[in-house]
Amino acid sequence: MAAAPWSLTPQGVVLAVRLTPKAGRDAIDGVDVLADGRVVLTARVRALPADGEANEALIRLIAKAVGVPPRDVALVAGATARLKRLAIAGHGPTVIAALEKIAIPR
């Protein structure tokens, strides 16, 4: 994979996500390239985009997928937008290895 939707930071990893709320299931769909060239991890959740429910569902989904507790995943940008940035605390290379297993190019 030439480009990835994540980047390594001293605290862990920052992940770019495109979220679809009100979906039929909670799932990570893979990596996609947007029209403007940005690379994102696409995900969907059943939760509604009201009162932060979809954001919380996304945090739980990502935490489970990479094997960290939900408290180690924080929304840092895009609280009311489809495009979001998440910070995942922990050992960066371990988190990236987990992301690479679930990030199938679309």
PDB file of N, CA and C in Angstrom:
ATOM      1  N   MET A   1       0.855  -1.174   0.000  1.00  0.00           N
ATOM      2  CA  MET A   1       0.000   0.000   0.000  1.00  0.00           C
ATOM      3  C   MET A   1       0.899   1.235   0.000  1.00  0.00           C
ATOM      4  N   ALA A   2       0.771   2.063  -0.988  1.00  0.00           N
ATOM      5  CA  ALA A   2       1.634   3.229  -1.147  1.00  0.00           C
ATOM      6  C   ALA A   2       1.372   4.267  -0.061  1.00  0.00           C
ATOM      7  N   ALA A   3       0.127   4.633   0.143  1.00  0.00           N
ATOM      8  CA  ALA A   3      -0.215   5.618   1.158  1.00  0.00           C
ATOM      9  C   ALA A   3      -1.104   4.941   2.195  1.00  0.00           C
ATOM     10  N   ALA A   4      -1.044   5.450   3.398  1.00  0.00           N
ATOM     11  CA  ALA A   4      -1.835   4.874   4.474  1.00  0.00           C
ATOM     12  C   ALA A   4      -2.633   5.982   5.164  1.00  0.00           C
ATOM     13  N   PRO A   5      -3.776   5.638   5.738  1.00  0.00           N
ATOM     14  CA  PRO A   5      -4.586   6.645   6.421  1.00  0.00           C
ATOM     15  C   PRO A   5      -4.116   6.931   7.844  1.00  0.00           C
ATOM     16  N   TRP A   6      -2.961   6.445   8.220  1.00  0.00           N
ATOM     17  CA  TRP A   6      -2.447   6.676   9.561  1.00  0.00           C
ATOM     18  C   TRP A   6      -1.038   7.238   9.501  1.00  0.00           C
ATOM     19  N   SER A   7      -0.654   7.858  10.599  1.00  0.00           N
ATOM     20  CA  SER A   7       0.713   8.345  10.730  1.00  0.00           C
ATOM     21  C   SER A   7       1.174   8.136  12.163  1.00  0.00           C
ATOM     22  N   LEU A   8       2.434   7.849  12.300  1.00  0.00           N
ATOM     23  CA  LEU A   8       3.044   7.593  13.594  1.00  0.00           C
ATOM     24  C   LEU A   8       3.330   8.912  14.304  1.00  0.00           C
ATOM     25  N   THR A   9       3.019   8.979  15.599  1.00  0.00           N
ATOM     26  CA  THR A   9       3.328  10.143  16.425  1.00  0.00           C
ATOM     27  C   THR A   9       4.062   9.647  17.675  1.00  0.00           C
ATOM     28  N   PRO A  10       4.666  10.537  18.440  1.00  0.00           N
ATOM     29  CA  PRO A  10       5.340  10.090  19.667  1.00  0.00           C
ATOM     30  C   PRO A  10       4.382   9.438  20.673  1.00  0.00           C
ATOM     31  N   GLN A  11       3.111   9.807  20.637  1.00  0.00           N
ATOM     32  CA  GLN A  11       2.139   9.252  21.584  1.00  0.00           C
ATOM     33  C   GLN A  11       1.457   7.994  21.063  1.00  0.00           C
ATOM     34  N   GLY A  12       1.562   7.707  19.770  1.00  0.00           N
ATOM     35  CA  GLY A  12       0.884   6.557  19.186  1.00  0.00           C
ATOM     36  C   GLY A  12       0.676   6.748  17.700  1.00  0.00           C
ATOM     37  N   VAL A  13      -0.610   6.771  17.288  1.00  0.00           N
ATOM     38  CA  VAL A  13      -0.950   6.854  15.871  1.00  0.00           C
ATOM     39  C   VAL A  13      -2.117   7.809  15.686  1.00  0.00           C
ATOM     40  N   VAL A  14      -2.088   8.574  14.599  1.00  0.00           N
ATOM     41  CA  VAL A  14      -3.235   9.398  14.199  1.00  0.00           C
ATOM     42  C   VAL A  14      -3.830   8.737  12.967  1.00  0.00           C
ATOM     43  N   LEU A  15      -5.155   8.556  12.992  1.00  0.00           N
ATOM     44  CA  LEU A  15      -5.860   7.815  11.948  1.00  0.00           C
ATOM     45  C   LEU A  15      -6.941   8.684  11.317  1.00  0.00           C
ATOM     46  N   ALA A  16      -6.969   8.723   9.979  1.00  0.00           N
ATOM     47  CA  ALA A  16      -8.017   9.436   9.237  1.00  0.00           C
ATOM     48  C   ALA A  16      -9.116   8.441   8.886  1.00  0.00           C
ATOM     49  N   VAL A  17     -10.363   8.796   9.209  1.00  0.00           N
ATOM     50  CA  VAL A  17     -11.499   7.888   9.016  1.00  0.00           C
ATOM     51  C   VAL A  17     -12.625   8.622   8.300  1.00  0.00           C
ATOM     52  N   ARG A  18     -13.295   7.920   7.394  1.00  0.00           N
ATOM     53  CA  ARG A  18     -14.548   8.409   6.808  1.00  0.00           C
ATOM     54  C   ARG A  18     -15.641   7.527   7.380  1.00  0.00           C
ATOM     55  N   LEU A  19     -16.527   8.124   8.166  1.00  0.00           N
ATOM     56  CA  LEU A  19     -17.555   7.388   8.898  1.00  0.00           C
ATOM     57  C   LEU A  19     -18.917   7.520   8.238  1.00  0.00           C
ATOM     58  N   THR A  20     -19.622   6.399   8.139  1.00  0.00           N
ATOM     59  CA  THR A  20     -21.006   6.379   7.673  1.00  0.00           C
ATOM     60  C   THR A  20     -21.880   5.925   8.838  1.00  0.00           C
ATOM     61  N   PRO A  21     -22.683   6.827   9.409  1.00  0.00           N
ATOM     62  CA  PRO A  21     -23.586   6.424  10.490  1.00  0.00           C
ATOM     63  C   PRO A  21     -24.872   5.829   9.935  1.00  0.00           C
ATOM     64  N   LYS A  22     -25.706   5.321  10.798  1.00  0.00           N
ATOM     65  CA  LYS A  22     -26.998   4.718  10.452  1.00  0.00           C
ATOM     66  C   LYS A  22     -26.859   3.589   9.438  1.00  0.00           C
ATOM     67  N   ALA A  23     -25.786   2.811   9.545  1.00  0.00           N
ATOM     68  CA  ALA A  23     -25.557   1.694   8.631  1.00  0.00           C
ATOM     69  C   ALA A  23     -26.256   0.448   9.177  1.00  0.00           C
ATOM     70  N   GLY A  24     -26.268  -0.587   8.397  1.00  0.00           N
ATOM     71  CA  GLY A  24     -26.898  -1.828   8.809  1.00  0.00           C
ATOM     72  C   GLY A  24     -26.085  -2.615   9.818  1.00  0.00           C
ATOM     73  N   ARG A  25     -24.782  -2.330   9.886  1.00  0.00           N
ATOM     74  CA  ARG A  25     -23.907  -3.044  10.816  1.00  0.00           C
ATOM     75  C   ARG A  25     -22.694  -2.182  11.140  1.00  0.00           C
ATOM     76  N   ASP A  26     -22.013  -2.542  12.202  1.00  0.00           N
ATOM     77  CA  ASP A  26     -20.756  -1.890  12.550  1.00  0.00           C
ATOM     78  C   ASP A  26     -19.646  -2.642  11.826  1.00  0.00           C
ATOM     79  N   ALA A  27     -18.851  -1.927  11.029  1.00  0.00           N
ATOM     80  CA  ALA A  27     -17.800  -2.607  10.271  1.00  0.00           C
ATOM     81  C   ALA A  27     -16.749  -1.620   9.789  1.00  0.00           C
ATOM     82  N   ILE A  28     -15.558  -2.161   9.576  1.00  0.00           N
ATOM     83  CA  ILE A  28     -14.488  -1.411   8.921  1.00  0.00           C
ATOM     84  C   ILE A  28     -14.422  -1.952   7.504  1.00  0.00           C
ATOM     85  N   ASP A  29     -14.602  -1.062   6.525  1.00  0.00           N
ATOM     86  CA  ASP A  29     -14.710  -1.481   5.137  1.00  0.00           C
ATOM     87  C   ASP A  29     -13.387  -1.499   4.392  1.00  0.00           C
ATOM     88  N   GLY A  30     -12.362  -0.868   4.918  1.00  0.00           N
ATOM     89  CA  GLY A  30     -11.058  -0.862   4.259  1.00  0.00           C
ATOM     90  C   GLY A  30     -10.549   0.545   4.020  1.00  0.00           C
ATOM     91  N   VAL A  31      -9.557   0.640   3.167  1.00  0.00           N
ATOM     92  CA  VAL A  31      -8.910   1.917   2.864  1.00  0.00           C
ATOM     93  C   VAL A  31      -9.439   2.420   1.526  1.00  0.00           C
ATOM     94  N   ASP A  32      -9.715   3.711   1.469  1.00  0.00           N
ATOM     95  CA  ASP A  32     -10.234   4.318   0.251  1.00  0.00           C
ATOM     96  C   ASP A  32      -9.485   5.622  -0.015  1.00  0.00           C
ATOM     97  N   VAL A  33      -9.406   6.006  -1.281  1.00  0.00           N
ATOM     98  CA  VAL A  33      -8.801   7.277  -1.666  1.00  0.00           C
ATOM     99  C   VAL A  33      -9.934   8.210  -2.071  1.00  0.00           C
ATOM    100  N   LEU A  34      -9.999   9.364  -1.439  1.00  0.00           N
ATOM    101  CA  LEU A  34     -11.034  10.342  -1.745  1.00  0.00           C
ATOM    102  C   LEU A  34     -10.712  11.073  -3.037  1.00  0.00           C
ATOM    103  N   ALA A  35     -11.687  11.806  -3.559  1.00  0.00           N
ATOM    104  CA  ALA A  35     -11.512  12.540  -4.822  1.00  0.00           C
ATOM    105  C   ALA A  35     -10.353  13.540  -4.747  1.00  0.00           C
ATOM    106  N   ASP A  36     -10.106  14.088  -3.557  1.00  0.00           N
ATOM    107  CA  ASP A  36      -9.022  15.063  -3.418  1.00  0.00           C
ATOM    108  C   ASP A  36      -7.661  14.411  -3.155  1.00  0.00           C
ATOM    109  N   GLY A  37      -7.614  13.073  -3.172  1.00  0.00           N
ATOM    110  CA  GLY A  37      -6.357  12.368  -3.006  1.00  0.00           C
ATOM    111  C   GLY A  37      -6.046  11.918  -1.592  1.00  0.00           C
ATOM    112  N   ARG A  38      -6.839  12.341  -0.621  1.00  0.00           N
ATOM    113  CA  ARG A  38      -6.601  11.910   0.758  1.00  0.00           C
ATOM    114  C   ARG A  38      -6.956  10.440   0.917  1.00  0.00           C
ATOM    115  N   VAL A  39      -6.185   9.749   1.729  1.00  0.00           N
ATOM    116  CA  VAL A  39      -6.418   8.333   2.004  1.00  0.00           C
ATOM    117  C   VAL A  39      -7.065   8.215   3.370  1.00  0.00           C
ATOM    118  N   VAL A  40      -8.174   7.448   3.447  1.00  0.00           N
ATOM    119  CA  VAL A  40      -8.926   7.294   4.694  1.00  0.00           C
ATOM    120  C   VAL A  40      -9.280   5.834   4.909  1.00  0.00           C
ATOM    121  N   LEU A  41      -9.485   5.491   6.157  1.00  0.00           N
ATOM    122  CA  LEU A  41     -10.055   4.210   6.516  1.00  0.00           C
ATOM    123  C   LEU A  41     -11.564   4.411   6.532  1.00  0.00           C
ATOM    124  N   THR A  42     -12.312   3.596   5.819  1.00  0.00           N
ATOM    125  CA  THR A  42     -13.764   3.761   5.795  1.00  0.00           C
ATOM    126  C   THR A  42     -14.390   2.818   6.819  1.00  0.00           C
ATOM    127  N   ALA A  43     -15.354   3.370   7.551  1.00  0.00           N
ATOM    128  CA  ALA A  43     -16.033   2.594   8.584  1.00  0.00           C
ATOM    129  C   ALA A  43     -17.501   2.955   8.593  1.00  0.00           C
ATOM    130  N   ARG A  44     -18.298   2.038   9.118  1.00  0.00           N
ATOM    131  CA  ARG A  44     -19.729   2.298   9.268  1.00  0.00           C
ATOM    132  C   ARG A  44     -20.170   1.825  10.645  1.00  0.00           C
ATOM    133  N   VAL A  45     -21.146   2.518  11.200  1.00  0.00           N
ATOM    134  CA  VAL A  45     -21.711   2.148  12.497  1.00  0.00           C
ATOM    135  C   VAL A  45     -23.232   2.242  12.434  1.00  0.00           C
ATOM    136  N   ARG A  46     -23.884   1.474  13.275  1.00  0.00           N
ATOM    137  CA  ARG A  46     -25.350   1.492  13.330  1.00  0.00           C
ATOM    138  C   ARG A  46     -25.879   2.723  14.053  1.00  0.00           C
ATOM    139  N   ALA A  47     -25.078   3.322  14.897  1.00  0.00           N
ATOM    140  CA  ALA A  47     -25.519   4.437  15.734  1.00  0.00           C
ATOM    141  C   ALA A  47     -25.919   5.654  14.902  1.00  0.00           C
ATOM    142  N   LEU A  48     -26.819   6.435  15.470  1.00  0.00           N
ATOM    143  CA  LEU A  48     -27.264   7.677  14.839  1.00  0.00           C
ATOM    144  C   LEU A  48     -26.222   8.773  15.051  1.00  0.00           C
ATOM    145  N   PRO A  49     -26.145   9.739  14.124  1.00  0.00           N
ATOM    146  CA  PRO A  49     -25.182  10.834  14.285  1.00  0.00           C
ATOM    147  C   PRO A  49     -25.722  11.939  15.181  1.00  0.00           C
ATOM    148  N   ALA A  50     -26.293  11.572  16.299  1.00  0.00           N
ATOM    149  CA  ALA A  50     -26.849  12.552  17.238  1.00  0.00           C
ATOM    150  C   ALA A  50     -26.232  12.331  18.611  1.00  0.00           C
ATOM    151  N   ASP A  51     -25.976  13.415  19.307  1.00  0.00           N
ATOM    152  CA  ASP A  51     -25.438  13.376  20.670  1.00  0.00           C
ATOM    153  C   ASP A  51     -24.117  12.609  20.765  1.00  0.00           C
ATOM    154  N   GLY A  52     -23.364  12.571  19.686  1.00  0.00           N
ATOM    155  CA  GLY A  52     -22.068  11.908  19.709  1.00  0.00           C
ATOM    156  C   GLY A  52     -22.133  10.392  19.710  1.00  0.00           C
ATOM    157  N   GLU A  53     -23.314   9.820  19.468  1.00  0.00           N
ATOM    158  CA  GLU A  53     -23.459   8.364  19.505  1.00  0.00           C
ATOM    159  C   GLU A  53     -22.620   7.682  18.431  1.00  0.00           C
ATOM    160  N   ALA A  54     -22.619   8.211  17.219  1.00  0.00           N
ATOM    161  CA  ALA A  54     -21.841   7.601  16.139  1.00  0.00           C
ATOM    162  C   ALA A  54     -20.346   7.704  16.430  1.00  0.00           C
ATOM    163  N   ASN A  55     -19.910   8.815  16.995  1.00  0.00           N
ATOM    164  CA  ASN A  55     -18.496   8.969  17.343  1.00  0.00           C
ATOM    165  C   ASN A  55     -18.081   7.952  18.397  1.00  0.00           C
ATOM    166  N   GLU A  56     -18.925   7.753  19.399  1.00  0.00           N
ATOM    167  CA  GLU A  56     -18.621   6.770  20.445  1.00  0.00           C
ATOM    168  C   GLU A  56     -18.582   5.362  19.874  1.00  0.00           C
ATOM    169  N   ALA A  57     -19.507   5.067  18.973  1.00  0.00           N
ATOM    170  CA  ALA A  57     -19.519   3.748  18.337  1.00  0.00           C
ATOM    171  C   ALA A  57     -18.258   3.542  17.502  1.00  0.00           C
ATOM    172  N   LEU A  58     -17.815   4.594  16.805  1.00  0.00           N
ATOM    173  CA  LEU A  58     -16.583   4.512  16.018  1.00  0.00           C
ATOM    174  C   LEU A  58     -15.387   4.256  16.922  1.00  0.00           C
ATOM    175  N   ILE A  59     -15.306   4.957  18.028  1.00  0.00           N
ATOM    176  CA  ILE A  59     -14.196   4.770  18.967  1.00  0.00           C
ATOM    177  C   ILE A  59     -14.163   3.327  19.466  1.00  0.00           C
ATOM    178  N   ARG A  60     -15.324   2.779  19.835  1.00  0.00           N
ATOM    179  CA  ARG A  60     -15.376   1.390  20.301  1.00  0.00           C
ATOM    180  C   ARG A  60     -14.961   0.424  19.189  1.00  0.00           C
ATOM    181  N   LEU A  61     -15.415   0.682  17.965  1.00  0.00           N
ATOM    182  CA  LEU A  61     -15.091  -0.179  16.825  1.00  0.00           C
ATOM    183  C   LEU A  61     -13.585  -0.194  16.545  1.00  0.00           C
ATOM    184  N   ILE A  62     -12.983   0.979  16.494  1.00  0.00           N
ATOM    185  CA  ILE A  62     -11.537   1.072  16.221  1.00  0.00           C
ATOM    186  C   ILE A  62     -10.736   0.459  17.364  1.00  0.00           C
ATOM    187  N   ALA A  63     -11.133   0.737  18.600  1.00  0.00           N
ATOM    188  CA  ALA A  63     -10.420   0.186  19.760  1.00  0.00           C
ATOM    189  C   ALA A  63     -10.425  -1.341  19.727  1.00  0.00           C
ATOM    190  N   LYS A  64     -11.567  -1.913  19.441  1.00  0.00           N
ATOM    191  CA  LYS A  64     -11.667  -3.371  19.374  1.00  0.00           C
ATOM    192  C   LYS A  64     -10.813  -3.921  18.230  1.00  0.00           C
ATOM    193  N   ALA A  65     -10.829  -3.247  17.092  1.00  0.00           N
ATOM    194  CA  ALA A  65     -10.093  -3.720  15.915  1.00  0.00           C
ATOM    195  C   ALA A  65      -8.583  -3.716  16.129  1.00  0.00           C
ATOM    196  N   VAL A  66      -8.073  -2.726  16.862  1.00  0.00           N
ATOM    197  CA  VAL A  66      -6.619  -2.649  17.048  1.00  0.00           C
ATOM    198  C   VAL A  66      -6.160  -3.212  18.391  1.00  0.00           C
ATOM    199  N   GLY A  67      -7.108  -3.628  19.226  1.00  0.00           N
ATOM    200  CA  GLY A  67      -6.748  -4.276  20.484  1.00  0.00           C
ATOM    201  C   GLY A  67      -6.311  -3.349  21.590  1.00  0.00           C
ATOM    202  N   VAL A  68      -6.919  -2.181  21.662  1.00  0.00           N
ATOM    203  CA  VAL A  68      -6.641  -1.253  22.758  1.00  0.00           C
ATOM    204  C   VAL A  68      -7.953  -0.935  23.470  1.00  0.00           C
ATOM    205  N   PRO A  69      -7.896  -0.487  24.721  1.00  0.00           N
ATOM    206  CA  PRO A  69      -9.141  -0.089  25.383  1.00  0.00           C
ATOM    207  C   PRO A  69      -9.708   1.184  24.755  1.00  0.00           C
ATOM    208  N   PRO A  70     -11.028   1.349  24.768  1.00  0.00           N
ATOM    209  CA  PRO A  70     -11.636   2.553  24.177  1.00  0.00           C
ATOM    210  C   PRO A  70     -11.092   3.857  24.749  1.00  0.00           C
ATOM    211  N   ARG A  71     -10.626   3.854  25.985  1.00  0.00           N
ATOM    212  CA  ARG A  71     -10.091   5.085  26.581  1.00  0.00           C
ATOM    213  C   ARG A  71      -8.811   5.540  25.892  1.00  0.00           C
ATOM    214  N   ASP A  72      -8.152   4.640  25.134  1.00  0.00           N
ATOM    215  CA  ASP A  72      -6.922   4.990  24.423  1.00  0.00           C
ATOM    216  C   ASP A  72      -7.173   5.544  23.025  1.00  0.00           C
ATOM    217  N   VAL A  73      -8.452   5.644  22.625  1.00  0.00           N
ATOM    218  CA  VAL A  73      -8.809   6.193  21.318  1.00  0.00           C
ATOM    219  C   VAL A  73      -9.571   7.491  21.555  1.00  0.00           C
ATOM    220  N   ALA A  74      -9.115   8.571  20.934  1.00  0.00           N
ATOM    221  CA  ALA A  74      -9.754   9.878  21.130  1.00  0.00           C
ATOM    222  C   ALA A  74     -10.045  10.528  19.788  1.00  0.00           C
ATOM    223  N   LEU A  75     -11.194  11.167  19.697  1.00  0.00           N
ATOM    224  CA  LEU A  75     -11.563  11.939  18.517  1.00  0.00           C
ATOM    225  C   LEU A  75     -10.874  13.292  18.626  1.00  0.00           C
ATOM    226  N   VAL A  76     -10.011  13.621  17.659  1.00  0.00           N
ATOM    227  CA  VAL A  76      -9.283  14.886  17.731  1.00  0.00           C
ATOM    228  C   VAL A  76      -9.771  15.909  16.713  1.00  0.00           C
ATOM    229  N   ALA A  77     -10.511  15.462  15.689  1.00  0.00           N
ATOM    230  CA  ALA A  77     -11.052  16.399  14.698  1.00  0.00           C
ATOM    231  C   ALA A  77     -12.227  15.744  13.989  1.00  0.00           C
ATOM    232  N   GLY A  78     -13.207  16.569  13.614  1.00  0.00           N
ATOM    233  CA  GLY A  78     -14.329  16.096  12.824  1.00  0.00           C
ATOM    234  C   GLY A  78     -15.509  15.592  13.615  1.00  0.00           C
ATOM    235  N   ALA A  79     -15.766  16.168  14.769  1.00  0.00           N
ATOM    236  CA  ALA A  79     -16.856  15.683  15.625  1.00  0.00           C
ATOM    237  C   ALA A  79     -18.203  15.669  14.912  1.00  0.00           C
ATOM    238  N   THR A  80     -18.455  16.626  14.019  1.00  0.00           N
ATOM    239  CA  THR A  80     -19.747  16.690  13.335  1.00  0.00           C
ATOM    240  C   THR A  80     -19.630  16.434  11.838  1.00  0.00           C
ATOM    241  N   ALA A  81     -18.488  15.954  11.396  1.00  0.00           N
ATOM    242  CA  ALA A  81     -18.263  15.706   9.966  1.00  0.00           C
ATOM    243  C   ALA A  81     -18.101  14.212   9.703  1.00  0.00           C
ATOM    244  N   ARG A  82     -18.207  13.818   8.452  1.00  0.00           N
ATOM    245  CA  ARG A  82     -17.966  12.412   8.090  1.00  0.00           C
ATOM    246  C   ARG A  82     -16.483  12.061   8.170  1.00  0.00           C
ATOM    247  N   LEU A  83     -15.627  13.031   7.835  1.00  0.00           N
ATOM    248  CA  LEU A  83     -14.188  12.806   7.896  1.00  0.00           C
ATOM    249  C   LEU A  83     -13.699  13.153   9.294  1.00  0.00           C
ATOM    250  N   LYS A  84     -13.042  12.194   9.927  1.00  0.00           N
ATOM    251  CA  LYS A  84     -12.613  12.356  11.319  1.00  0.00           C
ATOM    252  C   LYS A  84     -11.141  11.990  11.460  1.00  0.00           C
ATOM    253  N   ARG A  85     -10.539  12.520  12.509  1.00  0.00           N
ATOM    254  CA  ARG A  85      -9.181  12.134  12.875  1.00  0.00           C
ATOM    255  C   ARG A  85      -9.223  11.590  14.285  1.00  0.00           C
ATOM    256  N   LEU A  86      -8.664  10.407  14.447  1.00  0.00           N
ATOM    257  CA  LEU A  86      -8.611   9.763  15.752  1.00  0.00           C
ATOM    258  C   LEU A  86      -7.162   9.640  16.186  1.00  0.00           C
ATOM    259  N   ALA A  87      -6.926   9.812  17.477  1.00  0.00           N
ATOM    260  CA  ALA A  87      -5.606   9.565  18.054  1.00  0.00           C
ATOM    261  C   ALA A  87      -5.701   8.265  18.838  1.00  0.00           C
ATOM    262  N   ILE A  88      -4.800   7.341  18.536  1.00  0.00           N
ATOM    263  CA  ILE A  88      -4.771   6.060  19.226  1.00  0.00           C
ATOM    264  C   ILE A  88      -3.490   6.010  20.040  1.00  0.00           C
ATOM    265  N   ALA A  89      -3.626   5.995  21.356  1.00  0.00           N
ATOM    266  CA  ALA A  89      -2.465   5.973  22.245  1.00  0.00           C
ATOM    267  C   ALA A  89      -1.924   4.549  22.336  1.00  0.00           C
ATOM    268  N   GLY A  90      -0.630   4.460  22.488  1.00  0.00           N
ATOM    269  CA  GLY A  90      -0.009   3.147  22.643  1.00  0.00           C
ATOM    270  C   GLY A  90       1.274   3.053  21.848  1.00  0.00           C
ATOM    271  N   HIS A  91       1.793   1.846  21.773  1.00  0.00           N
ATOM    272  CA  HIS A  91       3.022   1.586  21.030  1.00  0.00           C
ATOM    273  C   HIS A  91       2.698   1.674  19.540  1.00  0.00           C
ATOM    274  N   GLY A  92       3.173   2.722  18.888  1.00  0.00           N
ATOM    275  CA  GLY A  92       2.830   3.014  17.504  1.00  0.00           C
ATOM    276  C   GLY A  92       3.006   1.866  16.529  1.00  0.00           C
ATOM    277  N   PRO A  93       4.176   1.216  16.491  1.00  0.00           N
ATOM    278  CA  PRO A  93       4.351   0.117  15.538  1.00  0.00           C
ATOM    279  C   PRO A  93       3.367  -1.044  15.757  1.00  0.00           C
ATOM    280  N   THR A  94       2.998  -1.309  16.993  1.00  0.00           N
ATOM    281  CA  THR A  94       2.030  -2.371  17.286  1.00  0.00           C
ATOM    282  C   THR A  94       0.650  -1.980  16.772  1.00  0.00           C
ATOM    283  N   VAL A  95       0.263  -0.727  16.999  1.00  0.00           N
ATOM    284  CA  VAL A  95      -1.037  -0.241  16.524  1.00  0.00           C
ATOM    285  C   VAL A  95      -1.077  -0.254  14.997  1.00  0.00           C
ATOM    286  N   ILE A  96      -0.003   0.173  14.353  1.00  0.00           N
ATOM    287  CA  ILE A  96       0.051   0.179  12.886  1.00  0.00           C
ATOM    288  C   ILE A  96      -0.031  -1.245  12.344  1.00  0.00           C
ATOM    289  N   ALA A  97       0.626  -2.193  12.987  1.00  0.00           N
ATOM    290  CA  ALA A  97       0.554  -3.591  12.545  1.00  0.00           C
ATOM    291  C   ALA A  97      -0.886  -4.099  12.609  1.00  0.00           C
ATOM    292  N   ALA A  98      -1.626  -3.726  13.663  1.00  0.00           N
ATOM    293  CA  ALA A  98      -3.036  -4.130  13.780  1.00  0.00           C
ATOM    294  C   ALA A  98      -3.877  -3.456  12.701  1.00  0.00           C
ATOM    295  N   LEU A  99      -3.604  -2.185  12.422  1.00  0.00           N
ATOM    296  CA  LEU A  99      -4.346  -1.472  11.380  1.00  0.00           C
ATOM    297  C   LEU A  99      -4.083  -2.080  10.001  1.00  0.00           C
ATOM    298  N   GLU A 100      -2.851  -2.488   9.745  1.00  0.00           N
ATOM    299  CA  GLU A 100      -2.514  -3.065   8.442  1.00  0.00           C
ATOM    300  C   GLU A 100      -3.278  -4.366   8.198  1.00  0.00           C
ATOM    301  N   LYS A 101      -3.603  -5.093   9.257  1.00  0.00           N
ATOM    302  CA  LYS A 101      -4.358  -6.341   9.116  1.00  0.00           C
ATOM    303  C   LYS A 101      -5.804  -6.094   8.715  1.00  0.00           C
ATOM    304  N   ILE A 102      -6.368  -4.959   9.143  1.00  0.00           N
ATOM    305  CA  ILE A 102      -7.780  -4.689   8.871  1.00  0.00           C
ATOM    306  C   ILE A 102      -7.985  -3.738   7.704  1.00  0.00           C
ATOM    307  N   ALA A 103      -6.929  -3.097   7.243  1.00  0.00           N
ATOM    308  CA  ALA A 103      -7.035  -2.053   6.205  1.00  0.00           C
ATOM    309  C   ALA A 103      -6.855  -2.658   4.816  1.00  0.00           C
ATOM    310  N   ILE A 104      -7.925  -3.169   4.279  1.00  0.00           N
ATOM    311  CA  ILE A 104      -7.908  -3.759   2.944  1.00  0.00           C
ATOM    312  C   ILE A 104      -8.208  -2.663   1.931  1.00  0.00           C
ATOM    313  N   PRO A 105      -7.366  -2.468   0.921  1.00  0.00           N
ATOM    314  CA  PRO A 105      -7.656  -1.434  -0.092  1.00  0.00           C
ATOM    315  C   PRO A 105      -8.961  -1.754  -0.823  1.00  0.00           C
ATOM    316  N   ARG A 106      -9.744  -0.706  -1.113  1.00  0.00           N
ATOM    317  CA  ARG A 106     -11.024  -0.889  -1.822  1.00  0.00           C
ATOM    318  C   ARG A 106     -10.857  -0.636  -3.279  1.00  0.00           C
TER     319      ARG A 106
END
